[in-house]
C-alpha atoms as a PDB file:
ATOM      1  CA  MET A   1      -0.023  -0.003   0.021  1.00  0.00           C
ATOM      2  CA  THR A   2       1.450   3.341  -0.984  1.00  0.00           C
ATOM      3  CA  GLU A   3       2.181   6.033   1.588  1.00  0.00           C
ATOM      4  CA  GLU A   4      -0.595   8.241   0.110  1.00  0.00           C
ATOM      5  CA  ARG A   5      -3.161   5.438   0.568  1.00  0.00           C
ATOM      6  CA  LEU A   6      -1.982   4.817   4.090  1.00  0.00           C
ATOM      7  CA  ARG A   7      -2.533   8.470   4.915  1.00  0.00           C
ATOM      8  CA  SER A   8      -5.988   8.358   3.265  1.00  0.00           C
ATOM      9  CA  SER A   9      -6.957   5.222   5.206  1.00  0.00           C
ATOM     10  CA  ARG A  10      -5.844   6.812   8.495  1.00  0.00           C
ATOM     11  CA  ARG A  11      -7.948   9.936   7.745  1.00  0.00           C
ATOM     12  CA  SER A  12     -10.944   7.734   6.938  1.00  0.00           C
ATOM     13  CA  PHE A  13     -10.519   5.740  10.174  1.00  0.00           C
ATOM     14  CA  LEU A  14     -10.283   8.889  12.226  1.00  0.00           C
ATOM     15  CA  ARG A  15     -13.457  10.248  10.521  1.00  0.00           C
ATOM     16  CA  GLY A  16     -15.299   7.080  11.496  1.00  0.00           C
ATOM     17  CA  GLN A  17     -15.717   5.689   8.021  1.00  0.00           C
ATOM     18  CA  PHE A  18     -14.330   2.318   9.083  1.00  0.00           C
ATOM     19  CA  LEU A  19     -16.393   2.006  12.328  1.00  0.00           C
ATOM     20  CA  SER A  20     -18.736  -0.873  12.882  1.00  0.00           C
ATOM     21  CA  PRO A  21     -22.479  -0.027  12.533  1.00  0.00           C
ATOM     22  CA  ALA A  22     -22.973  -0.196  16.344  1.00  0.00           C
ATOM     23  CA  ALA A  23     -19.921   2.028  16.948  1.00  0.00           C
ATOM     24  CA  GLN A  24     -21.035   4.427  14.223  1.00  0.00           C
ATOM     25  CA  GLN A  25     -24.508   4.668  15.865  1.00  0.00           C
ATOM     26  CA  GLU A  26     -23.009   5.351  19.222  1.00  0.00           C
ATOM     27  CA  LYS A  27     -20.772   7.995  17.693  1.00  0.00           C
ATOM     28  CA  ASN A  28     -23.776   9.730  16.004  1.00  0.00           C
ATOM     29  CA  ALA A  29     -25.737   9.666  19.229  1.00  0.00           C
ATOM     30  CA  LEU A  30     -22.869  11.327  21.102  1.00  0.00           C
ATOM     31  CA  ALA A  31     -22.646  13.890  18.377  1.00  0.00           C
ATOM     32  CA  GLU A  32     -26.415  14.560  18.523  1.00  0.00           C
ATOM     33  CA  LYS A  33     -26.186  14.893  22.278  1.00  0.00           C
ATOM     34  CA  GLU A  34     -23.374  17.371  22.009  1.00  0.00           C
ATOM     35  CA  ARG A  35     -25.370  19.448  19.393  1.00  0.00           C
ATOM     36  CA  ASN A  36     -28.367  19.507  21.730  1.00  0.00           C
ATOM     37  CA  ARG A  37     -26.150  20.564  24.595  1.00  0.00           C
ATOM     38  CA  LYS A  38     -24.714  23.436  22.616  1.00  0.00           C
ATOM     39  CA  LEU A  39     -28.260  24.396  21.439  1.00  0.00           C
ATOM     40  CA  ALA A  40     -29.491  24.440  25.069  1.00  0.00           C
ATOM     41  CA  GLU A  41     -26.622  26.720  26.032  1.00  0.00           C
ATOM     42  CA  ALA A  42     -27.583  29.197  23.360  1.00  0.00           C
ATOM     43  CA  PRO A  43     -30.539  31.060  24.835  1.00  0.00           C
ATOM     44  CA  ALA A  44     -30.834  33.452  21.912  1.00  0.00           C
ATOM     45  CA  GLN A  45     -31.825  30.654  19.508  1.00  0.00           C
ATOM     46  CA  TYR A  46     -35.515  30.999  18.846  1.00  0.00           C
ATOM     47  CA  MET A  47     -37.880  31.354  15.875  1.00  0.00           C
ATOM     48  CA  GLU A  48     -39.998  34.411  15.436  1.00  0.00           C
ATOM     49  CA  TYR A  49     -43.231  34.769  13.490  1.00  0.00           C
ATOM     50  CA  SER A  50     -45.013  38.108  13.204  1.00  0.00           C
ATOM     51  CA  ARG A  51     -47.906  39.935  11.616  1.00  0.00           C
ATOM     52  CA  LYS A  52     -49.390  43.406  11.776  1.00  0.00           C
ATOM     53  CA  ALA A  53     -52.942  43.422  13.252  1.00  0.00           C
ATOM     54  CA  MET A  54     -55.019  45.608  15.575  1.00  0.00           C
ATOM     55  CA  ALA A  55     -52.556  48.464  15.005  1.00  0.00           C
ATOM     56  CA  SER A  56     -49.861  46.320  16.653  1.00  0.00           C
ATOM     57  CA  ASP A  57     -47.255  43.737  15.743  1.00  0.00           C
ATOM     58  CA  PHE A  58     -48.299  40.334  16.904  1.00  0.00           C
ATOM     59  CA  VAL A  59     -45.266  38.144  17.440  1.00  0.00           C
ATOM     60  CA  ILE A  60     -44.850  34.491  18.333  1.00  0.00           C
ATOM     61  CA  PHE A  61     -41.544  33.139  19.732  1.00  0.00           C
ATOM     62  CA  THR A  62     -40.744  29.404  19.782  1.00  0.00           C
ATOM     63  CA  ASN A  63     -37.510  27.522  20.602  1.00  0.00           C
ATOM     64  CA  ALA A  64     -35.560  26.994  17.430  1.00  0.00           C
ATOM     65  CA  GLY A  65     -35.901  23.471  16.062  1.00  0.00           C
ATOM     66  CA  GLU A  66     -38.307  22.270  18.775  1.00  0.00           C
ATOM     67  CA  TYR A  67     -41.367  21.767  16.619  1.00  0.00           C
ATOM     68  CA  GLU A  68     -41.457  20.658  12.992  1.00  0.00           C
ATOM     69  CA  ASN A  69     -44.876  22.223  12.518  1.00  0.00           C
ATOM     70  CA  ALA A  70     -44.026  25.484  14.264  1.00  0.00           C
ATOM     71  CA  PHE A  71     -44.345  27.579  11.040  1.00  0.00           C
ATOM     72  CA  ASP A  72     -47.768  26.236  10.064  1.00  0.00           C
ATOM     73  CA  ALA A  73     -49.054  26.477  13.682  1.00  0.00           C
ATOM     74  CA  ALA A  74     -47.893  30.090  13.884  1.00  0.00           C
ATOM     75  CA  VAL A  75     -49.537  31.050  10.624  1.00  0.00           C
ATOM     76  CA  ASP A  76     -52.791  29.476  11.791  1.00  0.00           C
ATOM     77  CA  ALA A  77     -52.615  31.389  15.053  1.00  0.00           C
ATOM     78  CA  LEU A  78     -51.837  34.689  13.335  1.00  0.00           C
ATOM     79  CA  ASP A  79     -54.695  34.047  10.950  1.00  0.00           C
ATOM     80  CA  GLU A  80     -56.963  33.773  13.963  1.00  0.00           C
ATOM     81  CA  VAL A  81     -55.860  37.257  15.141  1.00  0.00           C
ATOM     82  CA  SER A  82     -56.557  38.638  11.672  1.00  0.00           C
ATOM     83  CA  ARG A  83     -59.999  37.015  11.684  1.00  0.00           C
ATOM     84  CA  LEU A  84     -60.860  38.492  15.078  1.00  0.00           C
ATOM     85  CA  GLU A  85     -59.701  41.934  13.998  1.00  0.00           C
ATOM     86  CA  LYS A  86     -62.166  41.863  11.155  1.00  0.00           C
ATOM     87  CA  ILE A  87     -65.155  41.362  13.538  1.00  0.00           C
ATOM     88  CA  LEU A  88     -63.979  43.309  16.652  1.00  0.00           C
ATOM     89  CA  SER A  89     -62.384  46.394  15.122  1.00  0.00           C
ATOM     90  CA  TYR A  90     -63.991  49.808  15.852  1.00  0.00           C
ATOM     91  CA  PHE A  91     -62.359  51.133  12.656  1.00  0.00           C
ATOM     92  CA  ILE A  92     -63.483  48.571  10.103  1.00  0.00           C
ATOM     93  CA  PRO A  93     -66.920  49.628   8.790  1.00  0.00           C
ATOM     94  CA  GLU A  94     -68.162  46.089   8.113  1.00  0.00           C
ATOM     95  CA  SER A  95     -67.101  44.610  11.490  1.00  0.00           C
ATOM     96  CA  GLU A  96     -69.704  43.396  13.936  1.00  0.00           C
ATOM     97  CA  VAL A  97     -68.724  46.136  16.403  1.00  0.00           C
ATOM     98  CA  SER A  98     -69.293  48.789  13.685  1.00  0.00           C
ATOM     99  CA  CYS A  99     -72.690  47.384  12.851  1.00  0.00           C
ATOM    100  CA  LEU A 100     -73.594  47.356  16.557  1.00  0.00           C
ATOM    101  CA  ASN A 101     -72.482  50.935  17.000  1.00  0.00           C
ATOM    102  CA  GLU A 102     -74.425  52.037  13.892  1.00  0.00           C
ATOM    103  CA  ASP A 103     -77.755  50.261  14.717  1.00  0.00           C
ATOM    104  CA  GLY A 104     -77.543  49.290  18.408  1.00  0.00           C
ATOM    105  CA  PRO A 105     -78.815  52.590  19.867  1.00  0.00           C
ATOM    106  CA  TYR A 106     -82.095  52.125  17.918  1.00  0.00           C
ATOM    107  CA  TYR A 107     -82.963  48.463  18.083  1.00  0.00           C
ATOM    108  CA  PRO A 108     -81.370  45.090  19.198  1.00  0.00           C
ATOM    109  CA  VAL A 109     -78.585  43.762  16.999  1.00  0.00           C
ATOM    110  CA  THR A 110     -77.949  39.963  16.880  1.00  0.00           C
ATOM    111  CA  LEU A 111     -74.246  39.176  17.425  1.00  0.00           C
ATOM    112  CA  SER A 112     -72.149  36.128  16.807  1.00  0.00           C
ATOM    113  CA  SER A 113     -71.832  33.968  19.994  1.00  0.00           C
ATOM    114  CA  GLU A 114     -68.204  34.884  20.512  1.00  0.00           C
ATOM    115  CA  VAL A 115     -68.728  38.655  20.293  1.00  0.00           C
ATOM    116  CA  TYR A 116     -71.823  38.400  22.461  1.00  0.00           C
ATOM    117  CA  GLN A 117     -70.003  36.413  25.127  1.00  0.00           C
ATOM    118  CA  LEU A 118     -67.010  38.798  25.106  1.00  0.00           C
ATOM    119  CA  LEU A 119     -69.395  41.727  25.606  1.00  0.00           C
ATOM    120  CA  ARG A 120     -71.043  39.865  28.445  1.00  0.00           C
ATOM    121  CA  PHE A 121     -67.608  39.368  30.024  1.00  0.00           C
ATOM    122  CA  CYS A 122     -66.993  43.048  29.688  1.00  0.00           C
ATOM    123  CA  ARG A 123     -70.143  43.719  31.605  1.00  0.00           C
ATOM    124  CA  GLU A 124     -68.941  41.424  34.415  1.00  0.00           C
ATOM    125  CA  LEU A 125     -65.627  43.281  34.607  1.00  0.00           C
ATOM    126  CA  PHE A 126     -67.486  46.601  34.575  1.00  0.00           C
ATOM    127  CA  GLU A 127     -69.363  45.519  37.648  1.00  0.00           C
ATOM    128  CA  ALA A 128     -66.306  43.984  39.398  1.00  0.00           C
ATOM    129  CA  THR A 129     -64.235  47.133  38.949  1.00  0.00           C
ATOM    130  CA  ASP A 130     -67.077  49.516  39.923  1.00  0.00           C
ATOM    131  CA  GLY A 131     -67.119  51.011  36.431  1.00  0.00           C
ATOM    132  CA  ALA A 132     -63.323  51.497  36.098  1.00  0.00           C
ATOM    133  CA  PHE A 133     -63.344  49.115  33.084  1.00  0.00           C
ATOM    134  CA  ASP A 134     -65.853  50.237  30.457  1.00  0.00           C
ATOM    135  CA  VAL A 135     -65.908  49.413  26.782  1.00  0.00           C
ATOM    136  CA  THR A 136     -68.257  52.322  25.981  1.00  0.00           C
ATOM    137  CA  THR A 137     -65.792  55.142  26.442  1.00  0.00           C
ATOM    138  CA  ALA A 138     -65.413  55.748  22.683  1.00  0.00           C
ATOM    139  CA  PRO A 139     -67.437  59.006  22.826  1.00  0.00           C
ATOM    140  CA  LEU A 140     -65.042  60.356  25.442  1.00  0.00           C
ATOM    141  CA  SER A 141     -62.005  59.308  23.371  1.00  0.00           C
ATOM    142  CA  GLU A 142     -63.459  61.125  20.439  1.00  0.00           C
ATOM    143  CA  VAL A 143     -63.999  64.462  22.243  1.00  0.00           C
ATOM    144  CA  TRP A 144     -60.427  64.168  23.696  1.00  0.00           C
ATOM    145  CA  GLY A 145     -59.173  63.633  20.118  1.00  0.00           C
ATOM    146  CA  PHE A 146     -57.547  60.270  20.843  1.00  0.00           C
ATOM    147  CA  MET A 147     -59.555  58.366  18.232  1.00  0.00           C
ATOM    148  CA  ARG A 148     -57.798  60.522  15.601  1.00  0.00           C
ATOM    149  CA  ARG A 149     -54.508  60.592  17.512  1.00  0.00           C
ATOM    150  CA  GLN A 150     -54.870  64.364  17.718  1.00  0.00           C
ATOM    151  CA  GLY A 151     -55.247  65.051  21.393  1.00  0.00           C
ATOM    152  CA  ARG A 152     -57.152  68.179  22.465  1.00  0.00           C
ATOM    153  CA  LEU A 153     -58.759  69.607  25.590  1.00  0.00           C
ATOM    154  CA  PRO A 154     -62.553  69.311  25.312  1.00  0.00           C
ATOM    155  CA  THR A 155     -64.873  71.893  26.710  1.00  0.00           C
ATOM    156  CA  GLU A 156     -66.822  71.118  29.875  1.00  0.00           C
ATOM    157  CA  GLU A 157     -69.964  70.862  27.767  1.00  0.00           C
ATOM    158  CA  GLU A 158     -68.374  68.407  25.376  1.00  0.00           C
ATOM    159  CA  ARG A 159     -67.075  66.184  28.236  1.00  0.00           C
ATOM    160  CA  LEU A 160     -70.488  66.095  29.943  1.00  0.00           C
ATOM    161  CA  GLU A 161     -72.231  65.354  26.619  1.00  0.00           C
ATOM    162  CA  ALA A 162     -69.848  62.461  25.970  1.00  0.00           C
ATOM    163  CA  MET A 163     -70.299  61.175  29.576  1.00  0.00           C
ATOM    164  CA  ALA A 164     -74.025  60.937  28.903  1.00  0.00           C
ATOM    165  CA  LYS A 165     -73.225  58.303  26.234  1.00  0.00           C
ATOM    166  CA  VAL A 166     -70.990  56.149  28.466  1.00  0.00           C
ATOM    167  CA  GLY A 167     -71.944  53.219  30.695  1.00  0.00           C
ATOM    168  CA  THR A 168     -71.731  49.500  30.062  1.00  0.00           C
ATOM    169  CA  ASP A 169     -74.563  49.083  32.544  1.00  0.00           C
ATOM    170  CA  PHE A 170     -76.884  50.689  29.985  1.00  0.00           C
ATOM    171  CA  ILE A 171     -76.288  47.857  27.480  1.00  0.00           C
ATOM    172  CA  ILE A 172     -79.371  45.572  27.174  1.00  0.00           C
ATOM    173  CA  PHE A 173     -78.626  41.892  26.684  1.00  0.00           C
ATOM    174  CA  ASP A 174     -80.874  39.151  25.342  1.00  0.00           C
ATOM    175  CA  ASP A 175     -79.264  35.822  26.005  1.00  0.00           C
ATOM    176  CA  ALA A 176     -81.887  33.893  24.038  1.00  0.00           C
ATOM    177  CA  GLU A 177     -81.332  35.824  20.879  1.00  0.00           C
ATOM    178  CA  THR A 178     -77.629  36.781  21.585  1.00  0.00           C
ATOM    179  CA  SER A 179     -78.670  40.294  20.762  1.00  0.00           C
ATOM    180  CA  VAL A 180     -77.571  43.550  22.210  1.00  0.00           C
ATOM    181  CA  GLN A 181     -79.100  47.061  22.297  1.00  0.00           C
ATOM    182  CA  LEU A 182     -77.122  50.144  23.267  1.00  0.00           C
ATOM    183  CA  GLY A 183     -79.336  51.807  25.826  1.00  0.00           C
ATOM    184  CA  ARG A 184     -78.374  55.458  25.085  1.00  0.00           C
ATOM    185  CA  GLU A 185     -78.348  57.447  21.890  1.00  0.00           C
ATOM    186  CA  GLY A 186     -74.815  57.887  20.662  1.00  0.00           C
ATOM    187  CA  MET A 187     -73.378  54.967  22.696  1.00  0.00           C
ATOM    188  CA  LYS A 188     -70.576  53.082  21.043  1.00  0.00           C
ATOM    189  CA  VAL A 189     -68.598  49.920  21.918  1.00  0.00           C
ATOM    190  CA  ALA A 190     -64.841  49.652  21.411  1.00  0.00           C
ATOM    191  CA  PHE A 191     -62.732  46.667  22.492  1.00  0.00           C
ATOM    192  CA  GLY A 192     -59.411  48.515  22.475  1.00  0.00           C
ATOM    193  CA  SER A 193     -58.868  47.793  26.148  1.00  0.00           C
ATOM    194  CA  ILE A 194     -59.472  44.041  25.873  1.00  0.00           C
ATOM    195  CA  GLY A 195     -59.413  43.018  22.210  1.00  0.00           C
ATOM    196  CA  LYS A 196     -55.668  42.186  21.891  1.00  0.00           C
ATOM    197  CA  GLY A 197     -55.740  40.045  25.060  1.00  0.00           C
ATOM    198  CA  TYR A 198     -58.795  38.214  23.812  1.00  0.00           C
ATOM    199  CA  ALA A 199     -57.133  37.634  20.364  1.00  0.00           C
ATOM    200  CA  LEU A 200     -54.012  36.236  22.127  1.00  0.00           C
ATOM    201  CA  ASP A 201     -56.021  33.779  24.144  1.00  0.00           C
ATOM    202  CA  CYS A 202     -57.968  32.512  21.082  1.00  0.00           C
ATOM    203  CA  ALA A 203     -54.820  32.271  18.938  1.00  0.00           C
ATOM    204  CA  ALA A 204     -52.839  30.607  21.787  1.00  0.00           C
ATOM    205  CA  GLN A 205     -55.499  27.850  21.951  1.00  0.00           C
ATOM    206  CA  ILE A 206     -54.593  27.073  18.255  1.00  0.00           C
ATOM    207  CA  LEU A 207     -50.871  26.808  19.111  1.00  0.00           C
ATOM    208  CA  GLU A 208     -51.608  24.307  21.911  1.00  0.00           C
ATOM    209  CA  LEU A 209     -53.993  22.310  19.758  1.00  0.00           C
ATOM    210  CA  ARG A 210     -51.092  21.978  17.279  1.00  0.00           C
ATOM    211  CA  GLY A 211     -48.876  20.638  20.045  1.00  0.00           C
ATOM    212  CA  LEU A 212     -46.761  23.688  20.844  1.00  0.00           C
ATOM    213  CA  ASP A 213     -46.145  23.651  24.605  1.00  0.00           C
ATOM    214  CA  ASN A 214     -43.417  26.331  24.725  1.00  0.00           C
ATOM    215  CA  TYR A 215     -43.985  29.738  23.231  1.00  0.00           C
ATOM    216  CA  LEU A 216     -44.207  33.496  24.014  1.00  0.00           C
ATOM    217  CA  PHE A 217     -46.923  35.375  22.137  1.00  0.00           C
ATOM    218  CA  HIS A 218     -47.340  39.123  22.356  1.00  0.00           C
ATOM    219  CA  GLY A 219     -49.529  41.789  20.774  1.00  0.00           C
ATOM    220  CA  GLY A 220     -47.693  45.070  20.592  1.00  0.00           C
ATOM    221  CA  LEU A 221     -45.599  44.325  23.718  1.00  0.00           C
ATOM    222  CA  SER A 222     -48.393  45.611  25.967  1.00  0.00           C
ATOM    223  CA  SER A 223     -50.294  42.320  25.998  1.00  0.00           C
ATOM    224  CA  LEU A 224     -48.618  38.873  26.041  1.00  0.00           C
ATOM    225  CA  ILE A 225     -49.113  35.307  27.044  1.00  0.00           C
ATOM    226  CA  ALA A 226     -46.340  32.784  27.909  1.00  0.00           C
ATOM    227  CA  HIS A 227     -46.628  29.050  27.880  1.00  0.00           C
ATOM    228  CA  GLY A 228     -43.934  26.558  28.965  1.00  0.00           C
ATOM    229  CA  ALA A 229     -40.428  27.835  28.845  1.00  0.00           C
ATOM    230  CA  ARG A 230     -37.671  29.151  26.675  1.00  0.00           C
ATOM    231  CA  ARG A 231     -34.775  26.703  26.039  1.00  0.00           C
ATOM    232  CA  GLY A 232     -32.300  26.918  28.811  1.00  0.00           C
ATOM    233  CA  ARG A 233     -34.799  28.326  31.356  1.00  0.00           C
ATOM    234  CA  GLU A 234     -37.784  27.199  33.426  1.00  0.00           C
ATOM    235  CA  ASP A 235     -39.909  30.071  32.096  1.00  0.00           C
ATOM    236  CA  TRP A 236     -39.885  33.100  29.747  1.00  0.00           C
ATOM    237  CA  LEU A 237     -38.249  36.371  30.901  1.00  0.00           C
ATOM    238  CA  VAL A 238     -40.104  39.519  29.855  1.00  0.00           C
ATOM    239  CA  GLY A 239     -39.107  43.110  30.448  1.00  0.00           C
ATOM    240  CA  LEU A 240     -41.097  45.892  32.031  1.00  0.00           C
ATOM    241  CA  HIS A 241     -40.222  49.063  30.285  1.00  0.00           C
ATOM    242  CA  HIS A 242     -40.001  52.601  31.598  1.00  0.00           C
ATOM    243  CA  PRO A 243     -43.290  54.263  30.586  1.00  0.00           C
ATOM    244  CA  LEU A 244     -41.536  57.496  29.539  1.00  0.00           C
ATOM    245  CA  LYS A 245     -38.339  55.916  28.218  1.00  0.00           C
ATOM    246  CA  PRO A 246     -39.415  52.908  26.113  1.00  0.00           C
ATOM    247  CA  THR A 247     -35.898  51.720  25.446  1.00  0.00           C
ATOM    248  CA  GLU A 248     -35.077  51.479  29.205  1.00  0.00           C
ATOM    249  CA  ARG A 249     -36.051  48.363  31.210  1.00  0.00           C
ATOM    250  CA  LEU A 250     -37.086  48.813  34.775  1.00  0.00           C
ATOM    251  CA  MET A 251     -37.269  45.163  35.757  1.00  0.00           C
ATOM    252  CA  GLU A 252     -37.613  41.681  34.357  1.00  0.00           C
ATOM    253  CA  ILE A 253     -40.527  39.365  35.085  1.00  0.00           C
ATOM    254  CA  PRO A 254     -40.431  35.572  34.800  1.00  0.00           C
ATOM    255  CA  LEU A 255     -43.575  34.304  33.180  1.00  0.00           C
ATOM    256  CA  LYS A 256     -44.843  30.746  32.701  1.00  0.00           C
ATOM    257  CA  ASP A 257     -48.386  29.575  31.759  1.00  0.00           C
ATOM    258  CA  ARG A 258     -49.602  33.062  32.501  1.00  0.00           C
ATOM    259  CA  ALA A 259     -50.475  36.345  30.819  1.00  0.00           C
ATOM    260  CA  LEU A 260     -49.409  39.936  31.294  1.00  0.00           C
ATOM    261  CA  GLY A 261     -50.999  43.191  30.261  1.00  0.00           C
ATOM    262  CA  THR A 262     -49.696  46.752  30.609  1.00  0.00           C
ATOM    263  CA  SER A 263     -51.626  49.990  30.316  1.00  0.00           C
ATOM    264  CA  GLY A 264     -49.999  53.360  30.035  1.00  0.00           C
ATOM    265  CA  SER A 265     -49.876  56.547  28.018  1.00  0.00           C
ATOM    266  CA  ALA A 266     -46.284  56.339  26.653  1.00  0.00           C
ATOM    267  CA  THR A 267     -47.349  56.469  23.011  1.00  0.00           C
ATOM    268  CA  GLN A 268     -50.591  58.558  23.067  1.00  0.00           C
ATOM    269  CA  PHE A 269     -50.585  61.861  25.025  1.00  0.00           C
ATOM    270  CA  PHE A 270     -50.532  65.563  24.611  1.00  0.00           C
ATOM    271  CA  TRP A 271     -49.442  68.582  26.645  1.00  0.00           C
ATOM    272  CA  ALA A 272     -51.819  71.425  27.415  1.00  0.00           C
ATOM    273  CA  ASN A 273     -51.480  74.209  29.984  1.00  0.00           C
ATOM    274  CA  GLY A 274     -48.441  72.543  31.516  1.00  0.00           C
ATOM    275  CA  HIS A 275     -50.182  69.172  32.010  1.00  0.00           C
ATOM    276  CA  ARG A 276     -49.604  65.863  30.340  1.00  0.00           C
ATOM    277  CA  TYR A 277     -52.868  64.191  29.247  1.00  0.00           C
ATOM    278  CA  GLY A 278     -52.711  60.461  28.314  1.00  0.00           C
ATOM    279  CA  HIS A 279     -55.214  58.471  26.270  1.00  0.00           C
ATOM    280  CA  VAL A 280     -56.312  56.131  29.138  1.00  0.00           C
ATOM    281  CA  LEU A 281     -59.579  57.754  30.222  1.00  0.00           C
ATOM    282  CA  ASP A 282     -61.426  57.283  33.524  1.00  0.00           C
ATOM    283  CA  PRO A 283     -65.004  56.481  32.517  1.00  0.00           C
ATOM    284  CA  ARG A 284     -66.229  57.521  35.884  1.00  0.00           C
ATOM    285  CA  THR A 285     -64.959  61.088  35.553  1.00  0.00           C
ATOM    286  CA  GLY A 286     -64.413  61.619  31.811  1.00  0.00           C
ATOM    287  CA  PHE A 287     -60.805  62.733  32.429  1.00  0.00           C
ATOM    288  CA  PRO A 288     -57.551  60.957  31.713  1.00  0.00           C
ATOM    289  CA  GLY A 289     -55.925  59.084  34.585  1.00  0.00           C
ATOM    290  CA  MET A 290     -53.217  61.420  35.938  1.00  0.00           C
ATOM    291  CA  ASP A 291     -51.509  59.756  38.903  1.00  0.00           C
ATOM    292  CA  VAL A 292     -50.169  56.605  37.330  1.00  0.00           C
ATOM    293  CA  LEU A 293     -47.515  56.247  34.597  1.00  0.00           C
ATOM    294  CA  SER A 294     -48.231  52.560  33.842  1.00  0.00           C
ATOM    295  CA  ALA A 295     -50.152  49.640  35.387  1.00  0.00           C
ATOM    296  CA  THR A 296     -49.156  46.000  34.668  1.00  0.00           C
ATOM    297  CA  VAL A 297     -51.314  43.011  35.565  1.00  0.00           C
ATOM    298  CA  LEU A 298     -50.424  39.318  35.666  1.00  0.00           C
ATOM    299  CA  ALA A 299     -53.380  37.000  35.312  1.00  0.00           C
ATOM    300  CA  PRO A 300     -54.371  33.556  34.148  1.00  0.00           C
ATOM    301  CA  THR A 301     -55.568  34.844  30.752  1.00  0.00           C
ATOM    302  CA  ALA A 302     -54.485  37.557  28.417  1.00  0.00           C
ATOM    303  CA  THR A 303     -58.120  38.769  28.118  1.00  0.00           C
ATOM    304  CA  GLU A 304     -58.298  39.537  31.824  1.00  0.00           C
ATOM    305  CA  ALA A 305     -54.742  40.878  32.082  1.00  0.00           C
ATOM    306  CA  ASP A 306     -55.332  43.291  29.203  1.00  0.00           C
ATOM    307  CA  ALA A 307     -58.742  44.555  30.646  1.00  0.00           C
ATOM    308  CA  LEU A 308     -57.620  44.835  34.299  1.00  0.00           C
ATOM    309  CA  ALA A 309     -54.401  46.732  33.357  1.00  0.00           C
ATOM    310  CA  THR A 310     -56.651  49.451  31.976  1.00  0.00           C
ATOM    311  CA  ALA A 311     -58.977  49.319  35.049  1.00  0.00           C
ATOM    312  CA  PHE A 312     -56.105  49.365  37.485  1.00  0.00           C
ATOM    313  CA  TYR A 313     -54.524  52.334  35.673  1.00  0.00           C
ATOM    314  CA  VAL A 314     -57.594  54.483  36.405  1.00  0.00           C
ATOM    315  CA  MET A 315     -58.289  52.906  39.803  1.00  0.00           C
ATOM    316  CA  GLY A 316     -54.820  53.552  41.219  1.00  0.00           C
ATOM    317  CA  PRO A 317     -52.766  51.380  43.498  1.00  0.00           C
ATOM    318  CA  GLU A 318     -54.917  51.358  46.624  1.00  0.00           C
ATOM    319  CA  GLN A 319     -58.100  50.213  44.859  1.00  0.00           C
ATOM    320  CA  ALA A 320     -56.158  47.773  42.705  1.00  0.00           C
ATOM    321  CA  LYS A 321     -54.540  46.276  45.822  1.00  0.00           C
ATOM    322  CA  ALA A 322     -57.908  45.763  47.405  1.00  0.00           C
ATOM    323  CA  PHE A 323     -59.087  44.058  44.178  1.00  0.00           C
ATOM    324  CA  CYS A 324     -56.038  41.725  44.143  1.00  0.00           C
ATOM    325  CA  GLU A 325     -56.594  40.762  47.766  1.00  0.00           C
ATOM    326  CA  LYS A 326     -59.844  39.141  46.637  1.00  0.00           C
ATOM    327  CA  ARG A 327     -57.997  37.419  43.689  1.00  0.00           C
ATOM    328  CA  PRO A 328     -54.878  35.558  44.785  1.00  0.00           C
ATOM    329  CA  ASP A 329     -54.202  34.615  41.126  1.00  0.00           C
ATOM    330  CA  LEU A 330     -53.543  38.177  40.185  1.00  0.00           C
ATOM    331  CA  GLY A 331     -50.446  40.364  40.499  1.00  0.00           C
ATOM    332  CA  ALA A 332     -49.952  44.056  39.801  1.00  0.00           C
ATOM    333  CA  ILE A 333     -47.029  46.384  39.166  1.00  0.00           C
ATOM    334  CA  PHE A 334     -47.460  50.114  39.161  1.00  0.00           C
ATOM    335  CA  VAL A 335     -44.960  52.653  37.882  1.00  0.00           C
ATOM    336  CA  LEU A 336     -45.678  55.968  39.580  1.00  0.00           C
ATOM    337  CA  PRO A 337     -44.183  59.427  39.235  1.00  0.00           C
ATOM    338  CA  ASP A 338     -41.674  60.312  41.913  1.00  0.00           C
ATOM    339  CA  SER A 339     -39.594  63.395  42.730  1.00  0.00           C
ATOM    340  CA  GLY A 340     -38.082  65.054  39.710  1.00  0.00           C
ATOM    341  CA  ALA A 341     -37.756  62.708  36.744  1.00  0.00           C
ATOM    342  CA  ASN A 342     -37.611  59.601  38.894  1.00  0.00           C
ATOM    343  CA  VAL A 343     -40.223  56.876  39.094  1.00  0.00           C
ATOM    344  CA  LYS A 344     -41.371  54.597  41.887  1.00  0.00           C
ATOM    345  CA  ILE A 345     -42.348  50.954  41.437  1.00  0.00           C
ATOM    346  CA  VAL A 346     -45.144  49.493  43.645  1.00  0.00           C
ATOM    347  CA  GLN A 347     -46.010  45.799  43.352  1.00  0.00           C
ATOM    348  CA  PHE A 348     -48.366  43.449  45.131  1.00  0.00           C
ATOM    349  CA  GLY A 349     -50.242  40.187  44.708  1.00  0.00           C
ATOM    350  CA  ASN A 350     -48.973  37.144  42.854  1.00  0.00           C
ATOM    351  CA  ILE A 351     -45.940  38.405  40.874  1.00  0.00           C
END
């Protein structure tokens, strides 16, 4: 055998080409184990699927390579978000909500079961929060200019006129017909304070039906749901951002099989007469909430986390704490203004 052939045979032996089938199988298994170990030690390795909907970016994160059907499952879940936007949107003329707003003040409007039940749940939250959560505040948002993203100070007459059109307790429900009538002329329903959370819950069900146990799913960063864990961790780690400095993180929150919602005025506000007015309106007064920078709620579902974050924002820490004391499955984090440009973090409940 020539020297060159000897060198070639030695290289082949070292590469495992002359190993027995059993030895080769063992070698492959060890190599696979080593690849998995390296993958587990690379926490940044994940897959991301996104779509624009409900004026937000809905994004799904899964562990890279964990599910063969991750892409198809993510597309189906995002399709569900798009479907819900078409029926829940205040701004789409042919949506169920738009039809209800147009005809509801004059006669009962029959709704699909899912929209009817969501509105029923909104009524329950309205009562539980003593009116702090209210899906009929659209007339107030209009006179304050937030529906057009052009904030303005309304006159006292405008505010009182809008207040006369607000109140979920004036909605008339007919369970037998799944129909709804808006009990005051000019009343309108908008699901902006709960719609993204509801869409996340519905879409997350699709992911789980497709066998995805580990994922993080958010709608515009303010609403998210986490299931299982990110590779290399026992949960998912999400950041709570400074409400006035969006690129700055105030703290990190571990999340597993739970949802989180944040309400604040970081993106929609205006200044007038030396005061900062945000878009989160207190339906009980007709004015924007002024004493809270952001309110974050941890809850079993994204629907509830989204809605209660809005309610807690206008309720303030003391009322929210009393609410959480009756609900041990909830947690709340408030970012409050402090001296100068500083902020203060207050948290309670199940964080």
